[in-house]
C-alpha atoms as a PDB file:
ATOM      1  CA  ARG A   1      -3.813  22.816  32.795  1.00  0.00           C
ATOM      2  CA  ALA A   2      -0.484  23.037  30.572  1.00  0.00           C
ATOM      3  CA  VAL A   3      -1.805  25.319  27.687  1.00  0.00           C
ATOM      4  CA  LEU A   4      -2.412  27.809  30.611  1.00  0.00           C
ATOM      5  CA  HIS A   5       0.708  27.564  31.735  1.00  0.00           C
ATOM      6  CA  ILE A   6       1.685  27.883  28.285  1.00  0.00           C
ATOM      7  CA  CYS A   7       0.022  30.721  28.094  1.00  0.00           C
ATOM      8  CA  ASN A   8       0.968  32.824  31.647  1.00  0.00           C
ATOM      9  CA  SER A   9       4.263  32.121  30.800  1.00  0.00           C
ATOM     10  CA  HIS A  10       4.250  33.689  27.258  1.00  0.00           C
ATOM     11  CA  THR A  11       1.816  36.880  27.526  1.00  0.00           C
ATOM     12  CA  GLN A  12       4.102  39.244  25.632  1.00  0.00           C
ATOM     13  CA  MET A  13       3.634  37.145  22.720  1.00  0.00           C
ATOM     14  CA  ILE A  14       0.551  37.277  22.982  1.00  0.00           C
ATOM     15  CA  VAL A  15      -0.440  40.581  23.258  1.00  0.00           C
ATOM     16  CA  CYS A  16       2.207  41.152  20.002  1.00  0.00           C
ATOM     17  CA  ALA A  17       0.326  38.720  18.628  1.00  0.00           C
ATOM     18  CA  LEU A  18      -2.906  40.667  19.029  1.00  0.00           C
ATOM     19  CA  PHE A  19      -0.908  44.038  17.935  1.00  0.00           C
ATOM     20  CA  VAL A  20      -0.622  42.537  15.060  1.00  0.00           C
ATOM     21  CA  LEU A  21      -3.886  40.970  14.224  1.00  0.00           C
ATOM     22  CA  ASN A  22      -5.665  44.530  14.955  1.00  0.00           C
ATOM     23  CA  ALA A  23      -3.710  46.009  12.366  1.00  0.00           C
ATOM     24  CA  ILE A  24      -4.428  43.566  10.145  1.00  0.00           C
ATOM     25  CA  PHE A  25      -7.673  43.260  10.167  1.00  0.00           C
ATOM     26  CA  TYR A  26      -8.678  47.308  11.253  1.00  0.00           C
ATOM     27  CA  ALA A  27      -5.793  48.622   8.835  1.00  0.00           C
ATOM     28  CA  ASN A  28      -6.220  52.067   9.930  1.00  0.00           C
ATOM     29  CA  VAL A  29      -3.914  54.931  11.600  1.00  0.00           C
ATOM     30  CA  LEU A  30      -5.356  54.299  15.083  1.00  0.00           C
ATOM     31  CA  SER A  31      -4.552  50.573  15.146  1.00  0.00           C
ATOM     32  CA  LEU A  32      -1.245  50.990  13.304  1.00  0.00           C
ATOM     33  CA  VAL A  33      -0.021  52.372  16.734  1.00  0.00           C
ATOM     34  CA  TYR A  34       0.387  48.785  18.416  1.00  0.00           C
ATOM     35  CA  PRO A  35       2.726  47.337  15.737  1.00  0.00           C
ATOM     36  CA  ILE A  36       5.012  50.084  15.150  1.00  0.00           C
ATOM     37  CA  SER A  37       5.405  50.458  19.221  1.00  0.00           C
ATOM     38  CA  MET A  38       5.953  47.208  19.173  1.00  0.00           C
ATOM     39  CA  PHE A  39       8.647  46.647  16.716  1.00  0.00           C
ATOM     40  CA  ALA A  40      10.213  49.936  17.169  1.00  0.00           C
ATOM     41  CA  TYR A  41      10.062  49.651  21.530  1.00  0.00           C
ATOM     42  CA  ALA A  42       8.906  46.772  23.162  1.00  0.00           C
ATOM     43  CA  LEU A  43      10.669  44.158  21.188  1.00  0.00           C
ATOM     44  CA  LEU A  44      13.918  45.580  21.223  1.00  0.00           C
ATOM     45  CA  GLU A  45      14.035  46.417  25.273  1.00  0.00           C
ATOM     46  CA  TYR A  46      15.679  43.887  26.877  1.00  0.00           C
ATOM     47  CA  PRO A  47      14.915  41.676  28.581  1.00  0.00           C
ATOM     48  CA  ARG A  48      11.013  43.016  28.524  1.00  0.00           C
ATOM     49  CA  PRO A  49       9.333  46.109  28.387  1.00  0.00           C
ATOM     50  CA  SER A  50       8.448  48.541  31.359  1.00  0.00           C
ATOM     51  CA  LYS A  51       5.947  48.689  33.163  1.00  0.00           C
ATOM     52  CA  HIS A  52       5.506  52.356  31.836  1.00  0.00           C
ATOM     53  CA  TYR A  53       5.301  50.833  27.665  1.00  0.00           C
ATOM     54  CA  TRP A  54       2.719  48.674  29.336  1.00  0.00           C
ATOM     55  CA  ILE A  55       0.222  51.058  31.065  1.00  0.00           C
ATOM     56  CA  LEU A  56       0.940  53.589  27.540  1.00  0.00           C
ATOM     57  CA  CYS A  57      -0.240  50.974  25.962  1.00  0.00           C
ATOM     58  CA  ILE A  58      -4.047  50.233  28.537  1.00  0.00           C
ATOM     59  CA  ALA A  59      -4.452  53.737  28.282  1.00  0.00           C
ATOM     60  CA  TYR A  60      -4.224  54.393  24.653  1.00  0.00           C
ATOM     61  CA  THR A  61      -6.469  51.418  23.711  1.00  0.00           C
ATOM     62  CA  ASN A  62      -8.845  52.947  26.375  1.00  0.00           C
ATOM     63  CA  ILE A  63      -8.715  56.031  24.648  1.00  0.00           C
ATOM     64  CA  VAL A  64      -9.235  54.677  20.941  1.00  0.00           C
ATOM     65  CA  ILE A  65     -12.130  52.214  22.679  1.00  0.00           C
ATOM     66  CA  CYS A  66     -13.650  55.677  24.145  1.00  0.00           C
ATOM     67  CA  ILE A  67     -13.208  57.815  20.676  1.00  0.00           C
ATOM     68  CA  LYS A  68     -14.550  55.468  18.784  1.00  0.00           C
ATOM     69  CA  PHE A  69     -17.446  55.024  21.588  1.00  0.00           C
ATOM     70  CA  ILE A  70     -18.194  58.636  21.133  1.00  0.00           C
ATOM     71  CA  PHE A  71     -18.656  58.657  17.101  1.00  0.00           C
ATOM     72  CA  GLN A  72     -21.160  56.115  17.377  1.00  0.00           C
ATOM     73  CA  ILE A  73     -23.591  58.715  19.021  1.00  0.00           C
ATOM     74  CA  SER A  74     -25.870  59.983  16.946  1.00  0.00           C
ATOM     75  CA  ILE A  75     -24.973  63.635  17.001  1.00  0.00           C
ATOM     76  CA  PHE A  76     -22.015  62.625  14.712  1.00  0.00           C
ATOM     77  CA  CYS A  77     -22.500  61.508  11.347  1.00  0.00           C
ATOM     78  CA  LEU A  78     -20.756  60.736   7.727  1.00  0.00           C
ATOM     79  CA  CYS A  79     -21.734  63.203   5.112  1.00  0.00           C
ATOM     80  CA  SER A  80     -20.747  63.847   1.592  1.00  0.00           C
ATOM     81  CA  ASN A  81     -19.437  66.763   0.586  1.00  0.00           C
ATOM     82  CA  SER A  82     -19.063  68.722  -3.186  1.00  0.00           C
ATOM     83  CA  ALA A  83     -15.655  66.499  -3.875  1.00  0.00           C
ATOM     84  CA  GLY A  84     -17.564  63.451  -2.585  1.00  0.00           C
ATOM     85  CA  ASN A  85     -15.237  62.304  -0.037  1.00  0.00           C
ATOM     86  CA  LEU A  86     -17.229  61.731   3.370  1.00  0.00           C
ATOM     87  CA  VAL A  87     -16.542  64.583   5.942  1.00  0.00           C
ATOM     88  CA  TYR A  88     -17.270  64.447  10.300  1.00  0.00           C
ATOM     89  CA  ALA A  89     -20.287  66.261  10.390  1.00  0.00           C
ATOM     90  CA  VAL A  90     -22.619  67.277  13.713  1.00  0.00           C
ATOM     91  CA  GLN A  91     -26.468  66.383  14.375  1.00  0.00           C
ATOM     92  CA  ASN A  92     -27.843  69.117  12.574  1.00  0.00           C
ATOM     93  CA  ARG A  93     -26.687  68.056   8.985  1.00  0.00           C
ATOM     94  CA  CYS A  94     -27.190  64.630   9.937  1.00  0.00           C
ATOM     95  CA  MET A  95     -30.508  64.409   8.523  1.00  0.00           C
ATOM     96  CA  GLU A  96     -29.530  66.200   4.946  1.00  0.00           C
ATOM     97  CA  GLU A  97     -29.727  63.399   2.132  1.00  0.00           C
ATOM     98  CA  GLU A  98     -25.631  63.535   1.135  1.00  0.00           C
ATOM     99  CA  CYS A  99     -25.359  62.019   4.922  1.00  0.00           C
ATOM    100  CA  LYS A 100     -27.604  59.324   4.048  1.00  0.00           C
ATOM    101  CA  TYR A 101     -24.969  56.630   2.133  1.00  0.00           C
ATOM    102  CA  THR A 102     -24.449  53.391   2.078  1.00  0.00           C
ATOM    103  CA  LEU A 103     -20.718  51.779   2.278  1.00  0.00           C
ATOM    104  CA  SER A 104     -19.121  50.695  -0.723  1.00  0.00           C
ATOM    105  CA  SER A 105     -15.696  50.171  -1.132  1.00  0.00           C
ATOM    106  CA  ASP A 106     -14.742  53.254  -2.554  1.00  0.00           C
ATOM    107  CA  LYS A 107     -15.815  54.667   0.766  1.00  0.00           C
ATOM    108  CA  ARG A 108     -13.358  52.480   2.861  1.00  0.00           C
ATOM    109  CA  LEU A 109     -10.478  54.634   0.936  1.00  0.00           C
ATOM    110  CA  THR A 110     -11.677  57.926   2.339  1.00  0.00           C
ATOM    111  CA  LEU A 111     -10.270  60.226   5.550  1.00  0.00           C
ATOM    112  CA  PRO A 112     -12.633  58.567   8.177  1.00  0.00           C
ATOM    113  CA  TYR A 113     -11.832  54.954   7.334  1.00  0.00           C
ATOM    114  CA  GLU A 114      -8.243  55.293   7.501  1.00  0.00           C
ATOM    115  CA  ILE A 115      -8.249  57.565  10.573  1.00  0.00           C
ATOM    116  CA  GLY A 116      -9.986  54.317  11.812  1.00  0.00           C
ATOM    117  CA  VAL A 117     -13.235  56.701  14.000  1.00  0.00           C
ATOM    118  CA  TYR A 118     -16.600  56.214  11.686  1.00  0.00           C
ATOM    119  CA  LYS A 119     -20.393  55.052  12.356  1.00  0.00           C
ATOM    120  CA  TYR A 120     -20.242  50.590  12.074  1.00  0.00           C
ATOM    121  CA  ASP A 121     -22.815  49.548   9.895  1.00  0.00           C
ATOM    122  CA  SER A 122     -24.277  47.112  12.369  1.00  0.00           C
ATOM    123  CA  PRO A 123     -26.235  48.560  15.463  1.00  0.00           C
ATOM    124  CA  TRP A 124     -23.760  46.169  18.309  1.00  0.00           C
ATOM    125  CA  PHE A 125     -21.370  48.363  19.230  1.00  0.00           C
ATOM    126  CA  LEU A 126     -18.444  45.778  20.187  1.00  0.00           C
ATOM    127  CA  GLU A 127     -18.795  43.927  16.566  1.00  0.00           C
ATOM    128  CA  GLY A 128     -16.504  47.343  15.663  1.00  0.00           C
ATOM    129  CA  ILE A 129     -14.042  47.204  18.448  1.00  0.00           C
ATOM    130  CA  PHE A 130     -14.080  43.660  19.321  1.00  0.00           C
ATOM    131  CA  TRP A 131      -9.964  43.672  18.633  1.00  0.00           C
ATOM    132  CA  ASP A 132      -9.910  46.974  20.542  1.00  0.00           C
ATOM    133  CA  LEU A 133     -11.568  45.538  23.408  1.00  0.00           C
ATOM    134  CA  THR A 134      -9.310  42.219  22.925  1.00  0.00           C
ATOM    135  CA  VAL A 135      -6.274  44.067  23.138  1.00  0.00           C
ATOM    136  CA  LEU A 136      -7.183  45.402  26.039  1.00  0.00           C
ATOM    137  CA  LEU A 137      -8.310  42.342  27.703  1.00  0.00           C
ATOM    138  CA  VAL A 138      -5.091  40.918  27.221  1.00  0.00           C
ATOM    139  CA  LEU A 139      -2.966  43.662  27.858  1.00  0.00           C
ATOM    140  CA  GLU A 140      -5.269  43.643  31.429  1.00  0.00           C
ATOM    141  CA  TRP A 141      -4.146  39.735  31.184  1.00  0.00           C
ATOM    142  CA  HIS A 142      -0.770  40.628  31.029  1.00  0.00           C
ATOM    143  CA  ARG A 143      -0.604  43.130  33.416  1.00  0.00           C
ATOM    144  CA  TYR A 144      -2.342  40.985  36.604  1.00  0.00           C
ATOM    145  CA  VAL A 145       0.456  37.701  35.463  1.00  0.00           C
ATOM    146  CA  THR A 146       2.987  40.280  35.557  1.00  0.00           C
ATOM    147  CA  SER A 147       2.929  41.421  38.752  1.00  0.00           C
ATOM    148  CA  VAL A 148       1.969  38.160  40.526  1.00  0.00           C
ATOM    149  CA  LYS A 149       5.460  36.755  38.615  1.00  0.00           C
ATOM    150  CA  GLY A 150       6.889  40.044  40.218  1.00  0.00           C
ATOM    151  CA  TYR A 151       8.166  41.186  37.251  1.00  0.00           C
ATOM    152  CA  TRP A 152       5.909  44.046  36.845  1.00  0.00           C
ATOM    153  CA  ASP A 153       7.680  46.492  39.687  1.00  0.00           C
ATOM    154  CA  LEU A 154      10.662  44.540  39.108  1.00  0.00           C
ATOM    155  CA  LEU A 155      13.916  47.547  38.120  1.00  0.00           C
ATOM    156  CA  PRO A 156      15.891  47.282  35.205  1.00  0.00           C
ATOM    157  CA  VAL A 157      19.475  46.363  36.923  1.00  0.00           C
ATOM    158  CA  ARG A 158      21.196  46.776  34.485  1.00  0.00           C
ATOM    159  CA  ARG A 159      22.551  50.370  35.217  1.00  0.00           C
ATOM    160  CA  ASN A 160      23.357  49.330  39.040  1.00  0.00           C
ATOM    161  CA  LEU A 161      25.319  46.303  37.654  1.00  0.00           C
ATOM    162  CA  TYR A 162      27.109  48.810  35.765  1.00  0.00           C
ATOM    163  CA  GLU A 163      27.277  52.079  38.490  1.00  0.00           C
ATOM    164  CA  ASN A 164      28.463  48.677  40.909  1.00  0.00           C
ATOM    165  CA  ASN A 165      30.930  47.161  38.702  1.00  0.00           C
ATOM    166  CA  VAL A 166      32.381  50.441  38.021  1.00  0.00           C
ATOM    167  CA  ALA A 167      32.600  51.235  41.725  1.00  0.00           C
ATOM    168  CA  PHE A 168      34.186  47.667  42.380  1.00  0.00           C
ATOM    169  CA  ARG A 169      36.931  48.290  39.717  1.00  0.00           C
ATOM    170  CA  LYS A 170      38.283  51.927  41.470  1.00  0.00           C
ATOM    171  CA  GLU A 171      38.529  50.507  45.125  1.00  0.00           C
ATOM    172  CA  TRP A 172      40.843  47.505  43.869  1.00  0.00           C
ATOM    173  CA  LYS A 173      43.092  49.982  41.845  1.00  0.00           C
END
Protein backbone atom coordinates (compact mmCIF):
# COMPACT_ATOMS: atom_id res chain seq x y z
CA ARG A 1 0.00 0.00 0.00
CA ALA A 2 2.84 2.39 0.78
CA VAL A 3 4.59 1.56 -2.50
CA LEU A 4 1.37 2.33 -4.40
CA HIS A 5 1.07 5.66 -2.59
CA ILE A 6 4.68 6.52 -3.46
CA CYS A 7 4.10 5.57 -7.11
CA ASN A 8 0.90 7.64 -7.26
CA SER A 9 2.76 10.61 -5.78
CA HIS A 10 5.59 10.50 -8.30
CA THR A 11 3.95 9.55 -11.58
CA GLN A 12 5.78 12.28 -13.49
CA MET A 13 9.17 10.87 -12.50
CA ILE A 14 8.06 7.37 -13.47
CA VAL A 15 6.96 8.65 -16.88
CA CYS A 16 10.31 10.44 -17.31
CA ALA A 17 12.20 7.28 -16.39
CA LEU A 18 10.22 5.30 -18.96
CA PHE A 19 10.95 7.96 -21.59
CA VAL A 20 14.66 7.37 -21.00
CA LEU A 21 14.27 3.57 -20.93
CA ASN A 22 12.36 3.66 -24.21
CA ALA A 23 15.17 5.64 -25.82
CA ILE A 24 17.81 3.29 -24.40
CA PHE A 25 16.16 0.05 -25.51
CA TYR A 26 15.03 1.19 -28.96
CA ALA A 27 17.74 3.77 -29.78
CA ASN A 28 16.09 5.22 -32.86
CA VAL A 29 14.74 8.56 -34.01
CA LEU A 30 11.13 7.80 -33.08
CA SER A 31 12.04 7.04 -29.48
CA LEU A 32 14.50 9.93 -29.21
CA VAL A 33 11.58 12.38 -29.21
CA TYR A 34 10.64 11.36 -25.66
CA PRO A 35 13.85 12.32 -23.81
CA ILE A 36 14.32 15.45 -25.94
CA SER A 37 10.83 16.67 -25.07
CA MET A 38 11.36 15.70 -21.46
CA PHE A 39 14.68 17.51 -21.02
CA ALA A 40 13.82 20.48 -23.24
CA TYR A 41 10.37 21.18 -21.83
CA ALA A 42 8.84 18.92 -19.20
CA LEU A 43 11.53 19.11 -16.53
CA LEU A 44 11.97 22.86 -17.02
CA GLU A 45 8.29 23.70 -16.64
CA TYR A 46 7.43 24.82 -13.12
CA PRO A 47 5.59 23.48 -11.14
CA ARG A 48 4.60 20.81 -13.68
CA PRO A 49 4.02 20.55 -17.44
CA SER A 50 0.57 21.49 -18.67
CA LYS A 51 -2.00 18.92 -19.70
CA HIS A 52 -1.36 19.83 -23.34
CA TYR A 53 2.16 18.44 -23.12
CA TRP A 54 0.87 15.15 -21.74
CA ILE A 55 -1.90 14.95 -24.35
CA LEU A 56 0.72 15.56 -27.05
CA CYS A 57 2.89 12.75 -25.61
CA ILE A 58 -0.11 10.38 -25.55
CA ALA A 59 -1.02 11.26 -29.14
CA TYR A 60 2.58 10.86 -30.30
CA THR A 61 2.85 7.45 -28.63
CA ASN A 62 -0.38 6.32 -30.28
CA ILE A 63 0.90 7.46 -33.68
CA VAL A 64 4.22 5.65 -33.20
CA ILE A 65 2.45 2.41 -32.25
CA CYS A 66 0.13 2.70 -35.26
CA ILE A 67 3.03 3.36 -37.65
CA LYS A 68 4.94 0.37 -36.28
CA PHE A 69 1.84 -1.77 -36.61
CA ILE A 70 1.18 -0.70 -40.21
CA PHE A 71 4.72 -1.65 -41.23
CA GLN A 72 4.23 -5.16 -39.80
CA ILE A 73 1.50 -5.85 -42.36
CA SER A 74 2.68 -8.21 -45.07
CA ILE A 75 2.33 -5.68 -47.90
CA PHE A 76 5.42 -3.86 -46.61
CA CYS A 77 8.91 -5.31 -46.57
CA LEU A 78 12.56 -4.29 -46.45
CA CYS A 79 14.72 -5.07 -49.46
CA SER A 80 18.40 -4.59 -50.21
CA ASN A 81 19.18 -2.18 -53.02
CA SER A 82 22.25 -2.34 -55.30
CA ALA A 83 24.38 -0.53 -52.69
CA GLY A 84 23.43 -3.07 -50.03
CA ASN A 85 21.25 -0.67 -48.03
CA LEU A 86 17.83 -1.62 -46.78
CA VAL A 87 14.94 0.21 -48.42
CA TYR A 88 11.19 -0.02 -47.99
CA ALA A 89 9.26 -1.95 -50.61
CA VAL A 90 5.64 -2.84 -51.29
CA GLN A 91 3.99 -6.21 -51.94
CA ASN A 92 5.09 -6.64 -55.59
CA ARG A 93 8.79 -6.73 -54.66
CA CYS A 94 8.48 -8.58 -51.35
CA MET A 95 8.81 -12.03 -52.94
CA GLU A 96 12.08 -11.23 -54.72
CA GLU A 97 15.32 -12.74 -53.47
CA GLU A 98 16.89 -9.48 -52.26
CA CYS A 99 13.93 -8.97 -49.94
CA LYS A 100 14.65 -12.16 -48.02
CA TYR A 101 17.39 -11.29 -45.61
CA THR A 102 18.50 -12.29 -42.19
CA LEU A 103 19.02 -9.70 -39.52
CA SER A 104 22.63 -9.08 -38.64
CA SER A 105 24.36 -6.42 -36.63
CA ASP A 106 25.37 -4.43 -39.72
CA LYS A 107 21.72 -4.17 -40.81
CA ARG A 108 20.89 -2.31 -37.61
CA LEU A 109 22.88 0.69 -38.84
CA THR A 110 20.65 1.17 -41.87
CA LEU A 111 18.03 3.90 -42.29
CA PRO A 112 14.90 1.86 -41.39
CA TYR A 113 16.43 0.80 -38.08
CA GLU A 114 17.67 4.30 -37.31
CA ILE A 115 14.19 5.68 -37.95
CA GLY A 116 12.59 2.90 -35.93
CA VAL A 117 10.17 1.44 -38.49
CA TYR A 118 11.13 -2.07 -39.61
CA LYS A 119 9.87 -5.64 -39.59
CA TYR A 120 10.35 -7.40 -36.28
CA ASP A 121 12.13 -10.73 -36.19
CA SER A 122 9.75 -12.25 -33.68
CA PRO A 123 6.22 -13.28 -34.62
CA TRP A 124 4.83 -11.33 -31.66
CA PHE A 125 4.12 -7.70 -32.45
CA LEU A 126 4.08 -6.83 -28.74
CA GLU A 127 7.77 -7.68 -28.43
CA GLY A 128 8.53 -4.89 -30.88
CA ILE A 129 6.36 -2.29 -29.17
CA PHE A 130 6.73 -3.33 -25.54
CA TRP A 131 8.39 -0.11 -24.35
CA ASP A 132 6.10 2.08 -26.45
CA LEU A 133 3.08 0.34 -24.99
CA THR A 134 4.52 0.66 -21.48
CA VAL A 135 5.05 4.40 -22.04
CA LEU A 136 1.47 4.74 -23.28
CA LEU A 137 0.03 2.89 -20.29
CA VAL A 138 2.06 4.92 -17.80
CA LEU A 139 1.10 8.17 -19.54
CA GLU A 140 -2.56 7.20 -19.22
CA TRP A 141 -1.99 6.26 -15.58
CA HIS A 142 -0.33 9.65 -14.99
CA ARG A 143 -3.29 11.34 -16.65
CA TYR A 144 -5.70 9.45 -14.39
CA VAL A 145 -3.78 10.18 -11.18
CA THR A 146 -3.38 13.88 -11.94
CA SER A 147 -7.05 14.22 -12.87
CA VAL A 148 -8.11 12.50 -9.64
CA LYS A 149 -5.88 14.82 -7.63
CA GLY A 150 -7.23 17.84 -9.52
CA TYR A 151 -3.94 18.80 -11.18
CA TRP A 152 -4.97 17.85 -14.73
CA ASP A 153 -7.16 20.88 -15.39
CA LEU A 154 -5.24 23.17 -13.07
CA LEU A 155 -4.52 26.44 -14.81
CA PRO A 156 -1.16 28.10 -14.35
CA VAL A 157 -1.67 30.86 -11.82
CA ARG A 158 1.68 32.60 -12.12
CA ARG A 159 0.55 35.02 -14.82
CA ASN A 160 -2.70 35.81 -12.99
CA LEU A 161 -0.81 36.44 -9.75
CA TYR A 162 1.60 38.76 -11.53
CA GLU A 163 -1.19 40.72 -13.22
CA ASN A 164 -3.14 40.99 -9.96
CA ASN A 165 0.00 42.15 -8.15
CA VAL A 166 0.61 44.87 -10.75
CA ALA A 167 -3.01 46.02 -10.54
CA PHE A 168 -2.82 45.99 -6.74
CA ARG A 169 0.30 48.20 -6.80
CA LYS A 170 -1.38 50.69 -9.14
CA GLU A 171 -4.32 51.02 -6.77
CA TRP A 172 -2.08 51.97 -3.83
CA LYS A 173 -0.07 54.60 -5.64
